[in-house]
PDB file of N, CA and C in Angstrom:
ATOM      1  N   MET A   1     -14.314 -14.050   2.296  1.00  0.00           N
ATOM      2  CA  MET A   1     -13.867 -13.500   1.035  1.00  0.00           C
ATOM      3  C   MET A   1     -12.487 -12.860   1.248  1.00  0.00           C
ATOM      4  N   THR A   2     -11.572 -13.155   0.366  1.00  0.00           N
ATOM      5  CA  THR A   2     -10.217 -12.622   0.429  1.00  0.00           C
ATOM      6  C   THR A   2     -10.025 -11.619  -0.686  1.00  0.00           C
ATOM      7  N   ARG A   3      -9.396 -10.499  -0.353  1.00  0.00           N
ATOM      8  CA  ARG A   3      -9.083  -9.486  -1.358  1.00  0.00           C
ATOM      9  C   ARG A   3      -7.572  -9.424  -1.534  1.00  0.00           C
ATOM     10  N   ILE A   4      -7.140  -9.410  -2.760  1.00  0.00           N
ATOM     11  CA  ILE A   4      -5.728  -9.205  -3.070  1.00  0.00           C
ATOM     12  C   ILE A   4      -5.591  -7.739  -3.444  1.00  0.00           C
ATOM     13  N   VAL A   5      -4.711  -7.024  -2.728  1.00  0.00           N
ATOM     14  CA  VAL A   5      -4.586  -5.583  -2.886  1.00  0.00           C
ATOM     15  C   VAL A   5      -3.205  -5.245  -3.427  1.00  0.00           C
ATOM     16  N   ARG A   6      -3.174  -4.432  -4.464  1.00  0.00           N
ATOM     17  CA  ARG A   6      -1.917  -3.951  -5.044  1.00  0.00           C
ATOM     18  C   ARG A   6      -1.634  -2.569  -4.466  1.00  0.00           C
ATOM     19  N   LEU A   7      -0.398  -2.353  -4.012  1.00  0.00           N
ATOM     20  CA  LEU A   7       0.007  -1.076  -3.439  1.00  0.00           C
ATOM     21  C   LEU A   7       0.989  -0.382  -4.368  1.00  0.00           C
ATOM     22  N   LYS A   8       0.873   0.916  -4.439  1.00  0.00           N
ATOM     23  CA  LYS A   8       1.832   1.735  -5.180  1.00  0.00           C
ATOM     24  C   LYS A   8       2.317   2.794  -4.201  1.00  0.00           C
ATOM     25  N   ILE A   9       3.609   2.716  -3.833  1.00  0.00           N
ATOM     26  CA  ILE A   9       4.169   3.588  -2.803  1.00  0.00           C
ATOM     27  C   ILE A   9       5.264   4.463  -3.399  1.00  0.00           C
ATOM     28  N   ASP A  10       5.191   5.753  -3.122  1.00  0.00           N
ATOM     29  CA  ASP A  10       6.241   6.692  -3.501  1.00  0.00           C
ATOM     30  C   ASP A  10       7.268   6.689  -2.368  1.00  0.00           C
ATOM     31  N   VAL A  11       8.350   5.939  -2.544  1.00  0.00           N
ATOM     32  CA  VAL A  11       9.324   5.774  -1.464  1.00  0.00           C
ATOM     33  C   VAL A  11      10.055   7.064  -1.113  1.00  0.00           C
ATOM     34  N   THR A  12      10.012   8.059  -1.994  1.00  0.00           N
ATOM     35  CA  THR A  12      10.669   9.334  -1.677  1.00  0.00           C
ATOM     36  C   THR A  12       9.911  10.091  -0.595  1.00  0.00           C
ATOM     37  N   LYS A  13       8.648   9.708  -0.340  1.00  0.00           N
ATOM     38  CA  LYS A  13       7.846  10.380   0.689  1.00  0.00           C
ATOM     39  C   LYS A  13       8.008   9.748   2.072  1.00  0.00           C
ATOM     40  N   ILE A  14       8.743   8.639   2.158  1.00  0.00           N
ATOM     41  CA  ILE A  14       8.947   7.973   3.449  1.00  0.00           C
ATOM     42  C   ILE A  14       9.873   8.819   4.314  1.00  0.00           C
ATOM     43  N   ASP A  15       9.433   9.069   5.536  1.00  0.00           N
ATOM     44  CA  ASP A  15      10.276   9.743   6.527  1.00  0.00           C
ATOM     45  C   ASP A  15      11.255   8.699   7.039  1.00  0.00           C
ATOM     46  N   LYS A  16      12.502   8.755   6.568  1.00  0.00           N
ATOM     47  CA  LYS A  16      13.500   7.731   6.891  1.00  0.00           C
ATOM     48  C   LYS A  16      13.765   7.630   8.391  1.00  0.00           C
ATOM     49  N   ALA A  17      13.477   8.678   9.155  1.00  0.00           N
ATOM     50  CA  ALA A  17      13.666   8.641  10.608  1.00  0.00           C
ATOM     51  C   ALA A  17      12.686   7.661  11.257  1.00  0.00           C
ATOM     52  N   ARG A  18      11.621   7.298  10.549  1.00  0.00           N
ATOM     53  CA  ARG A  18      10.626   6.372  11.099  1.00  0.00           C
ATOM     54  C   ARG A  18      10.916   4.917  10.743  1.00  0.00           C
ATOM     55  N   LEU A  19      11.964   4.662   9.979  1.00  0.00           N
ATOM     56  CA  LEU A  19      12.373   3.288   9.700  1.00  0.00           C
ATOM     57  C   LEU A  19      13.002   2.711  10.957  1.00  0.00           C
ATOM     58  N   PHE A  20      12.798   1.425  11.199  1.00  0.00           N
ATOM     59  CA  PHE A  20      13.394   0.812  12.383  1.00  0.00           C
ATOM     60  C   PHE A  20      13.941  -0.561  12.043  1.00  0.00           C
ATOM     61  N   GLN A  21      14.944  -0.956  12.785  1.00  0.00           N
ATOM     62  CA  GLN A  21      15.626  -2.219  12.553  1.00  0.00           C
ATOM     63  C   GLN A  21      14.914  -3.335  13.303  1.00  0.00           C
ATOM     64  N   GLY A  22      14.592  -4.400  12.599  1.00  0.00           N
ATOM     65  CA  GLY A  22      13.999  -5.593  13.188  1.00  0.00           C
ATOM     66  C   GLY A  22      14.978  -6.749  13.065  1.00  0.00           C
ATOM     67  N   LYS A  23      14.551  -7.930  13.462  1.00  0.00           N
ATOM     68  CA  LYS A  23      15.421  -9.106  13.412  1.00  0.00           C
ATOM     69  C   LYS A  23      15.835  -9.469  11.989  1.00  0.00           C
ATOM     70  N   LYS A  24      14.933  -9.265  11.031  1.00  0.00           N
ATOM     71  CA  LYS A  24      15.192  -9.732   9.670  1.00  0.00           C
ATOM     72  C   LYS A  24      15.306  -8.610   8.647  1.00  0.00           C
ATOM     73  N   GLY A  25      15.371  -7.355   9.091  1.00  0.00           N
ATOM     74  CA  GLY A  25      15.485  -6.278   8.128  1.00  0.00           C
ATOM     75  C   GLY A  25      15.097  -4.944   8.699  1.00  0.00           C
ATOM     76  N   THR A  26      14.970  -3.963   7.819  1.00  0.00           N
ATOM     77  CA  THR A  26      14.565  -2.617   8.184  1.00  0.00           C
ATOM     78  C   THR A  26      13.095  -2.462   7.815  1.00  0.00           C
ATOM     79  N   TYR A  27      12.304  -1.934   8.747  1.00  0.00           N
ATOM     80  CA  TYR A  27      10.862  -1.905   8.593  1.00  0.00           C
ATOM     81  C   TYR A  27      10.298  -0.492   8.681  1.00  0.00           C
ATOM     82  N   LEU A  28       9.065  -0.363   8.180  1.00  0.00           N
ATOM     83  CA  LEU A  28       8.299   0.865   8.258  1.00  0.00           C
ATOM     84  C   LEU A  28       6.868   0.489   8.619  1.00  0.00           C
ATOM     85  N   ASP A  29       6.298   1.134   9.621  1.00  0.00           N
ATOM     86  CA  ASP A  29       4.893   0.917   9.947  1.00  0.00           C
ATOM     87  C   ASP A  29       4.044   1.840   9.082  1.00  0.00           C
ATOM     88  N   ALA A  30       3.046   1.254   8.437  1.00  0.00           N
ATOM     89  CA  ALA A  30       2.146   2.016   7.573  1.00  0.00           C
ATOM     90  C   ALA A  30       0.742   1.443   7.726  1.00  0.00           C
ATOM     91  N   THR A  31      -0.251   2.211   7.286  1.00  0.00           N
ATOM     92  CA  THR A  31      -1.645   1.799   7.356  1.00  0.00           C
ATOM     93  C   THR A  31      -2.282   1.970   5.985  1.00  0.00           C
ATOM     94  N   VAL A  32      -3.116   0.992   5.614  1.00  0.00           N
ATOM     95  CA  VAL A  32      -3.863   1.057   4.363  1.00  0.00           C
ATOM     96  C   VAL A  32      -5.327   1.322   4.698  1.00  0.00           C
ATOM     97  N   PHE A  33      -5.905   2.332   4.071  1.00  0.00           N
ATOM     98  CA  PHE A  33      -7.324   2.651   4.200  1.00  0.00           C
ATOM     99  C   PHE A  33      -7.996   2.180   2.910  1.00  0.00           C
ATOM    100  N   LEU A  34      -8.932   1.227   3.026  1.00  0.00           N
ATOM    101  CA  LEU A  34      -9.585   0.664   1.846  1.00  0.00           C
ATOM    102  C   LEU A  34     -11.059   1.025   1.798  1.00  0.00           C
ATOM    103  N   ASN A  35     -11.527   1.310   0.590  1.00  0.00           N
ATOM    104  CA  ASN A  35     -12.943   1.510   0.303  1.00  0.00           C
ATOM    105  C   ASN A  35     -13.398   0.357  -0.585  1.00  0.00           C
ATOM    106  N   ASP A  36     -14.668  -0.006  -0.519  1.00  0.00           N
ATOM    107  CA  ASP A  36     -15.177  -1.085  -1.355  1.00  0.00           C
ATOM    108  C   ASP A  36     -15.278  -0.689  -2.819  1.00  0.00           C
ATOM    109  N   GLU A  37     -15.507   0.583  -3.079  1.00  0.00           N
ATOM    110  CA  GLU A  37     -15.656   1.044  -4.453  1.00  0.00           C
ATOM    111  C   GLU A  37     -14.462   1.904  -4.852  1.00  0.00           C
ATOM    112  N   ALA A  38     -14.103   1.832  -6.133  1.00  0.00           N
ATOM    113  CA  ALA A  38     -12.986   2.609  -6.652  1.00  0.00           C
ATOM    114  C   ALA A  38     -13.334   4.092  -6.675  1.00  0.00           C
ATOM    115  N   GLY A  39     -12.323   4.916  -6.414  1.00  0.00           N
ATOM    116  CA  GLY A  39     -12.504   6.359  -6.432  1.00  0.00           C
ATOM    117  C   GLY A  39     -12.360   6.936  -7.822  1.00  0.00           C
ATOM    118  N   GLU A  40     -12.247   8.225  -7.884  1.00  0.00           N
ATOM    119  CA  GLU A  40     -12.171   8.960  -9.153  1.00  0.00           C
ATOM    120  C   GLU A  40     -11.016   8.499 -10.038  1.00  0.00           C
ATOM    121  N   TYR A  41      -9.903   8.088  -9.432  1.00  0.00           N
ATOM    122  CA  TYR A  41      -8.717   7.706 -10.198  1.00  0.00           C
ATOM    123  C   TYR A  41      -8.541   6.193 -10.287  1.00  0.00           C
ATOM    124  N   GLY A  42      -9.551   5.427  -9.899  1.00  0.00           N
ATOM    125  CA  GLY A  42      -9.511   3.979 -10.035  1.00  0.00           C
ATOM    126  C   GLY A  42      -8.903   3.238  -8.855  1.00  0.00           C
ATOM    127  N   ASP A  43      -8.462   3.966  -7.831  1.00  0.00           N
ATOM    128  CA  ASP A  43      -7.902   3.277  -6.671  1.00  0.00           C
ATOM    129  C   ASP A  43      -8.982   3.077  -5.614  1.00  0.00           C
ATOM    130  N   ASN A  44      -8.702   2.177  -4.678  1.00  0.00           N
ATOM    131  CA  ASN A  44      -9.661   1.860  -3.624  1.00  0.00           C
ATOM    132  C   ASN A  44      -9.249   2.407  -2.268  1.00  0.00           C
ATOM    133  N   GLY A  45      -8.127   3.102  -2.196  1.00  0.00           N
ATOM    134  CA  GLY A  45      -7.704   3.620  -0.907  1.00  0.00           C
ATOM    135  C   GLY A  45      -6.319   4.224  -0.960  1.00  0.00           C
ATOM    136  N   MET A  46      -5.781   4.468   0.233  1.00  0.00           N
ATOM    137  CA  MET A  46      -4.462   5.097   0.318  1.00  0.00           C
ATOM    138  C   MET A  46      -3.627   4.439   1.405  1.00  0.00           C
ATOM    139  N   ILE A  47      -2.328   4.686   1.348  1.00  0.00           N
ATOM    140  CA  ILE A  47      -1.373   4.180   2.329  1.00  0.00           C
ATOM    141  C   ILE A  47      -0.772   5.381   3.037  1.00  0.00           C
ATOM    142  N   THR A  48      -0.779   5.349   4.366  1.00  0.00           N
ATOM    143  CA  THR A  48      -0.157   6.423   5.125  1.00  0.00           C
ATOM    144  C   THR A  48       0.923   5.863   6.037  1.00  0.00           C
ATOM    145  N   GLN A  49       1.921   6.676   6.286  1.00  0.00           N
ATOM    146  CA  GLN A  49       2.980   6.314   7.220  1.00  0.00           C
ATOM    147  C   GLN A  49       2.447   6.503   8.632  1.00  0.00           C
ATOM    148  N   ASP A  50       2.675   5.510   9.495  1.00  0.00           N
ATOM    149  CA  ASP A  50       2.186   5.599  10.867  1.00  0.00           C
ATOM    150  C   ASP A  50       2.956   6.639  11.669  1.00  0.00           C
ATOM    151  N   VAL A  51       2.275   7.200  12.665  1.00  0.00           N
ATOM    152  CA  VAL A  51       2.894   8.124  13.617  1.00  0.00           C
ATOM    153  C   VAL A  51       2.710   7.530  15.012  1.00  0.00           C
ATOM    154  N   SER A  52       3.431   8.072  15.977  1.00  0.00           N
ATOM    155  CA  SER A  52       3.350   7.561  17.343  1.00  0.00           C
ATOM    156  C   SER A  52       1.995   7.880  17.973  1.00  0.00           C
ATOM    157  N   LYS A  53       1.689   7.222  19.069  1.00  0.00           N
ATOM    158  CA  LYS A  53       0.436   7.457  19.789  1.00  0.00           C
ATOM    159  C   LYS A  53       0.338   8.918  20.223  1.00  0.00           C
ATOM    160  N   GLU A  54       1.432   9.467  20.719  1.00  0.00           N
ATOM    161  CA  GLU A  54       1.446  10.867  21.157  1.00  0.00           C
ATOM    162  C   GLU A  54       1.175  11.809  19.987  1.00  0.00           C
ATOM    163  N   GLU A  55       1.746  11.502  18.834  1.00  0.00           N
ATOM    164  CA  GLU A  55       1.507  12.337  17.648  1.00  0.00           C
ATOM    165  C   GLU A  55       0.045  12.238  17.200  1.00  0.00           C
ATOM    166  N   ARG A  56      -0.521  11.034  17.219  1.00  0.00           N
ATOM    167  CA  ARG A  56      -1.941  10.879  16.852  1.00  0.00           C
ATOM    168  C   ARG A  56      -2.817  11.700  17.780  1.00  0.00           C
ATOM    169  N   GLU A  57      -2.516  11.649  19.088  1.00  0.00           N
ATOM    170  CA  GLU A  57      -3.299  12.416  20.060  1.00  0.00           C
ATOM    171  C   GLU A  57      -3.158  13.914  19.829  1.00  0.00           C
ATOM    172  N   ALA A  58      -2.007  14.347  19.289  1.00  0.00           N
ATOM    173  CA  ALA A  58      -1.779  15.756  18.975  1.00  0.00           C
ATOM    174  C   ALA A  58      -2.282  16.101  17.571  1.00  0.00           C
ATOM    175  N   LYS A  59      -3.007  15.162  16.937  1.00  0.00           N
ATOM    176  CA  LYS A  59      -3.615  15.354  15.611  1.00  0.00           C
ATOM    177  C   LYS A  59      -2.593  15.442  14.474  1.00  0.00           C
ATOM    178  N   VAL A  60      -1.389  14.880  14.689  1.00  0.00           N
ATOM    179  CA  VAL A  60      -0.391  14.809  13.621  1.00  0.00           C
ATOM    180  C   VAL A  60      -0.778  13.649  12.712  1.00  0.00           C
ATOM    181  N   LYS A  61      -0.739  13.867  11.416  1.00  0.00           N
ATOM    182  CA  LYS A  61      -1.078  12.823  10.458  1.00  0.00           C
ATOM    183  C   LYS A  61       0.179  12.356   9.744  1.00  0.00           C
ATOM    184  N   GLY A  62       0.228  11.067   9.469  1.00  0.00           N
ATOM    185  CA  GLY A  62       1.345  10.507   8.725  1.00  0.00           C
ATOM    186  C   GLY A  62       1.262  10.888   7.261  1.00  0.00           C
ATOM    187  N   ALA A  63       2.409  10.910   6.609  1.00  0.00           N
ATOM    188  CA  ALA A  63       2.470  11.259   5.186  1.00  0.00           C
ATOM    189  C   ALA A  63       1.697  10.237   4.359  1.00  0.00           C
ATOM    190  N   ILE A  64       1.021  10.706   3.319  1.00  0.00           N
ATOM    191  CA  ILE A  64       0.381   9.806   2.366  1.00  0.00           C
ATOM    192  C   ILE A  64       1.471   9.289   1.440  1.00  0.00           C
ATOM    193  N   LEU A  65       1.682   7.978   1.448  1.00  0.00           N
ATOM    194  CA  LEU A  65       2.768   7.366   0.697  1.00  0.00           C
ATOM    195  C   LEU A  65       2.343   6.860  -0.679  1.00  0.00           C
ATOM    196  N   GLY A  66       1.066   6.635  -0.863  1.00  0.00           N
ATOM    197  CA  GLY A  66       0.627   6.113  -2.150  1.00  0.00           C
ATOM    198  C   GLY A  66      -0.815   5.660  -2.099  1.00  0.00           C
ATOM    199  N   ASN A  67      -1.167   4.761  -3.049  1.00  0.00           N
ATOM    200  CA  ASN A  67      -2.543   4.310  -3.113  1.00  0.00           C
ATOM    201  C   ASN A  67      -2.628   2.798  -3.167  1.00  0.00           C
ATOM    202  N   ALA A  68      -3.828   2.297  -3.006  1.00  0.00           N
ATOM    203  CA  ALA A  68      -4.092   0.862  -2.999  1.00  0.00           C
ATOM    204  C   ALA A  68      -5.244   0.570  -3.939  1.00  0.00           C
ATOM    205  N   THR A  69      -5.143  -0.547  -4.650  1.00  0.00           N
ATOM    206  CA  THR A  69      -6.181  -0.967  -5.568  1.00  0.00           C
ATOM    207  C   THR A  69      -6.514  -2.424  -5.287  1.00  0.00           C
ATOM    208  N   ILE A  70      -7.783  -2.734  -5.125  1.00  0.00           N
ATOM    209  CA  ILE A  70      -8.186  -4.131  -4.971  1.00  0.00           C
ATOM    210  C   ILE A  70      -8.017  -4.781  -6.335  1.00  0.00           C
ATOM    211  N   PHE A  71      -7.092  -5.735  -6.400  1.00  0.00           N
ATOM    212  CA  PHE A  71      -6.716  -6.352  -7.667  1.00  0.00           C
ATOM    213  C   PHE A  71      -7.584  -7.571  -7.977  1.00  0.00           C
ATOM    214  N   LYS A  72      -7.785  -8.431  -6.990  1.00  0.00           N
ATOM    215  CA  LYS A  72      -8.603  -9.627  -7.177  1.00  0.00           C
ATOM    216  C   LYS A  72      -9.378  -9.900  -5.901  1.00  0.00           C
ATOM    217  N   VAL A  73     -10.505 -10.552  -6.072  1.00  0.00           N
ATOM    218  CA  VAL A  73     -11.318 -10.989  -4.944  1.00  0.00           C
ATOM    219  C   VAL A  73     -11.488 -12.495  -5.072  1.00  0.00           C
ATOM    220  N   LEU A  74     -11.199 -13.214  -3.996  1.00  0.00           N
ATOM    221  CA  LEU A  74     -11.407 -14.661  -3.977  1.00  0.00           C
ATOM    222  C   LEU A  74     -12.660 -14.928  -3.174  1.00  0.00           C
ATOM    223  N   ASP A  75     -13.635 -15.582  -3.803  1.00  0.00           N
ATOM    224  CA  ASP A  75     -14.856 -15.883  -3.065  1.00  0.00           C
ATOM    225  C   ASP A  75     -14.637 -17.123  -2.199  1.00  0.00           C
ATOM    226  N   ASP A  76     -15.663 -17.576  -1.538  1.00  0.00           N
ATOM    227  CA  ASP A  76     -15.530 -18.698  -0.618  1.00  0.00           C
ATOM    228  C   ASP A  76     -15.092 -19.985  -1.295  1.00  0.00           C
ATOM    229  N   ASP A  77     -15.312 -20.108  -2.586  1.00  0.00           N
ATOM    230  CA  ASP A  77     -14.918 -21.303  -3.328  1.00  0.00           C
ATOM    231  C   ASP A  77     -13.542 -21.135  -3.972  1.00  0.00           C
ATOM    232  N   ASN A  78     -12.796 -20.107  -3.574  1.00  0.00           N
ATOM    233  CA  ASN A  78     -11.470 -19.793  -4.115  1.00  0.00           C
ATOM    234  C   ASN A  78     -11.482 -19.510  -5.609  1.00  0.00           C
ATOM    235  N   GLN A  79     -12.606 -19.067  -6.121  1.00  0.00           N
ATOM    236  CA  GLN A  79     -12.660 -18.683  -7.523  1.00  0.00           C
ATOM    237  C   GLN A  79     -12.296 -17.218  -7.638  1.00  0.00           C
ATOM    238  N   HIS A  80     -11.469 -16.897  -8.612  1.00  0.00           N
ATOM    239  CA  HIS A  80     -10.988 -15.532  -8.799  1.00  0.00           C
ATOM    240  C   HIS A  80     -12.045 -14.680  -9.466  1.00  0.00           C
ATOM    241  N   GLN A  81     -12.187 -13.490  -8.957  1.00  0.00           N
ATOM    242  CA  GLN A  81     -13.021 -12.483  -9.600  1.00  0.00           C
ATOM    243  C   GLN A  81     -12.153 -11.252  -9.759  1.00  0.00           C
ATOM    244  N   GLN A  82     -12.068 -10.727 -10.964  1.00  0.00           N
ATOM    245  CA  GLN A  82     -11.251  -9.549 -11.211  1.00  0.00           C
ATOM    246  C   GLN A  82     -11.882  -8.335 -10.546  1.00  0.00           C
ATOM    247  N   ALA A  83     -11.067  -7.506  -9.925  1.00  0.00           N
ATOM    248  CA  ALA A  83     -11.539  -6.265  -9.313  1.00  0.00           C
ATOM    249  C   ALA A  83     -10.547  -5.168  -9.649  1.00  0.00           C
ATOM    250  N   GLY A  84     -10.985  -3.949  -9.632  1.00  0.00           N
ATOM    251  CA  GLY A  84     -10.070  -2.837  -9.901  1.00  0.00           C
ATOM    252  C   GLY A  84      -9.584  -2.869 -11.331  1.00  0.00           C
ATOM    253  N   HIS A  85      -8.354  -2.437 -11.534  1.00  0.00           N
ATOM    254  CA  HIS A  85      -7.762  -2.363 -12.861  1.00  0.00           C
ATOM    255  C   HIS A  85      -6.686  -3.415 -13.008  1.00  0.00           C
ATOM    256  N   PRO A  86      -6.767  -4.282 -14.042  1.00  0.00           N
ATOM    257  CA  PRO A  86      -5.728  -5.279 -14.240  1.00  0.00           C
ATOM    258  C   PRO A  86      -4.417  -4.633 -14.659  1.00  0.00           C
ATOM    259  N   MET A  87      -3.312  -5.361 -14.445  1.00  0.00           N
ATOM    260  CA  MET A  87      -2.011  -4.847 -14.883  1.00  0.00           C
ATOM    261  C   MET A  87      -1.983  -4.779 -16.403  1.00  0.00           C
ATOM    262  N   PRO A  88      -1.372  -3.747 -16.968  1.00  0.00           N
ATOM    263  CA  PRO A  88      -1.266  -3.662 -18.421  1.00  0.00           C
ATOM    264  C   PRO A  88      -0.450  -4.825 -18.972  1.00  0.00           C
ATOM    265  N   GLN A  89      -0.733  -5.218 -20.220  1.00  0.00           N
ATOM    266  CA  GLN A  89       0.022  -6.274 -20.866  1.00  0.00           C
ATOM    267  C   GLN A  89       1.504  -5.935 -20.876  1.00  0.00           C
ATOM    268  N   GLY A  90       2.347  -6.894 -20.553  1.00  0.00           N
ATOM    269  CA  GLY A  90       3.788  -6.697 -20.601  1.00  0.00           C
ATOM    270  C   GLY A  90       4.362  -5.920 -19.434  1.00  0.00           C
ATOM    271  N   ALA A  91       3.556  -5.536 -18.458  1.00  0.00           N
ATOM    272  CA  ALA A  91       4.060  -4.793 -17.299  1.00  0.00           C
ATOM    273  C   ALA A  91       4.808  -5.739 -16.375  1.00  0.00           C
ATOM    274  N   PRO A  92       5.974  -5.315 -15.853  1.00  0.00           N
ATOM    275  CA  PRO A  92       6.719  -6.189 -14.951  1.00  0.00           C
ATOM    276  C   PRO A  92       5.939  -6.395 -13.662  1.00  0.00           C
ATOM    277  N   GLN A  93       5.990  -7.629 -13.118  1.00  0.00           N
ATOM    278  CA  GLN A  93       5.244  -7.908 -11.905  1.00  0.00           C
ATOM    279  C   GLN A  93       6.148  -8.078 -10.694  1.00  0.00           C
ATOM    280  N   ASP A  94       7.208  -8.845 -10.800  1.00  0.00           N
ATOM    281  CA  ASP A  94       8.075  -9.099  -9.651  1.00  0.00           C
ATOM    282  C   ASP A  94       9.518  -8.705  -9.954  1.00  0.00           C
ATOM    283  N   GLU A  95       9.693  -7.705 -10.734  1.00  0.00           N
ATOM    284  CA  GLU A  95      11.023  -7.282 -11.156  1.00  0.00           C
ATOM    285  C   GLU A  95      11.712  -6.515 -10.033  1.00  0.00           C
ATOM    286  N   GLU A  96      13.003  -6.827  -9.808  1.00  0.00           N
ATOM    287  CA  GLU A  96      13.773  -6.096  -8.799  1.00  0.00           C
ATOM    288  C   GLU A  96      14.082  -4.699  -9.312  1.00  0.00           C
ATOM    289  N   HIS A  97      14.038  -3.708  -8.411  1.00  0.00           N
ATOM    290  CA  HIS A  97      14.346  -2.342  -8.784  1.00  0.00           C
ATOM    291  C   HIS A  97      15.543  -1.868  -7.977  1.00  0.00           C
ATOM    292  N   ASP A  98      16.611  -1.474  -8.668  1.00  0.00           N
ATOM    293  CA  ASP A  98      17.820  -1.025  -8.006  1.00  0.00           C
ATOM    294  C   ASP A  98      17.861   0.490  -7.844  1.00  0.00           C
ATOM    295  N   ASP A  99      16.816   1.201  -8.236  1.00  0.00           N
ATOM    296  CA  ASP A  99      16.822   2.659  -8.193  1.00  0.00           C
ATOM    297  C   ASP A  99      16.102   3.207  -6.971  1.00  0.00           C
ATOM    298  N   ILE A 100      15.927   2.382  -5.934  1.00  0.00           N
ATOM    299  CA  ILE A 100      15.291   2.849  -4.700  1.00  0.00           C
ATOM    300  C   ILE A 100      16.224   3.864  -4.051  1.00  0.00           C
ATOM    301  N   PRO A 101      15.699   5.045  -3.662  1.00  0.00           N
ATOM    302  CA  PRO A 101      16.563   6.150  -3.238  1.00  0.00           C
ATOM    303  C   PRO A 101      17.108   6.036  -1.814  1.00  0.00           C
ATOM    304  N   PHE A 102      17.046   4.872  -1.175  1.00  0.00           N
ATOM    305  CA  PHE A 102      17.661   4.731   0.147  1.00  0.00           C
ATOM    306  C   PHE A 102      18.189   3.355   0.343  1.00  0.00           C
TER     307      PHE A 102
END
């Protein structure tokens, strides 16, 4: 079973010092924590910014950057099943945003 997950990230919460340069761009390591059932606000989990191994051992936690919602579930026959909350009518899906603060 495949789950399609929609992420909503508050980019102002990203610690820019943790961005790193890769071969094809600038990257950020993050982790998504998913639950099978939606929480109080309709999301299925959260996204946190990763920290180093030494920081994890010192109990430092990465910033919570946003939330995750299971948008669709594909069963073994590739049939779509709606999950979570669908996008509102007329909401942009793949629109470029030039107001990113970095």
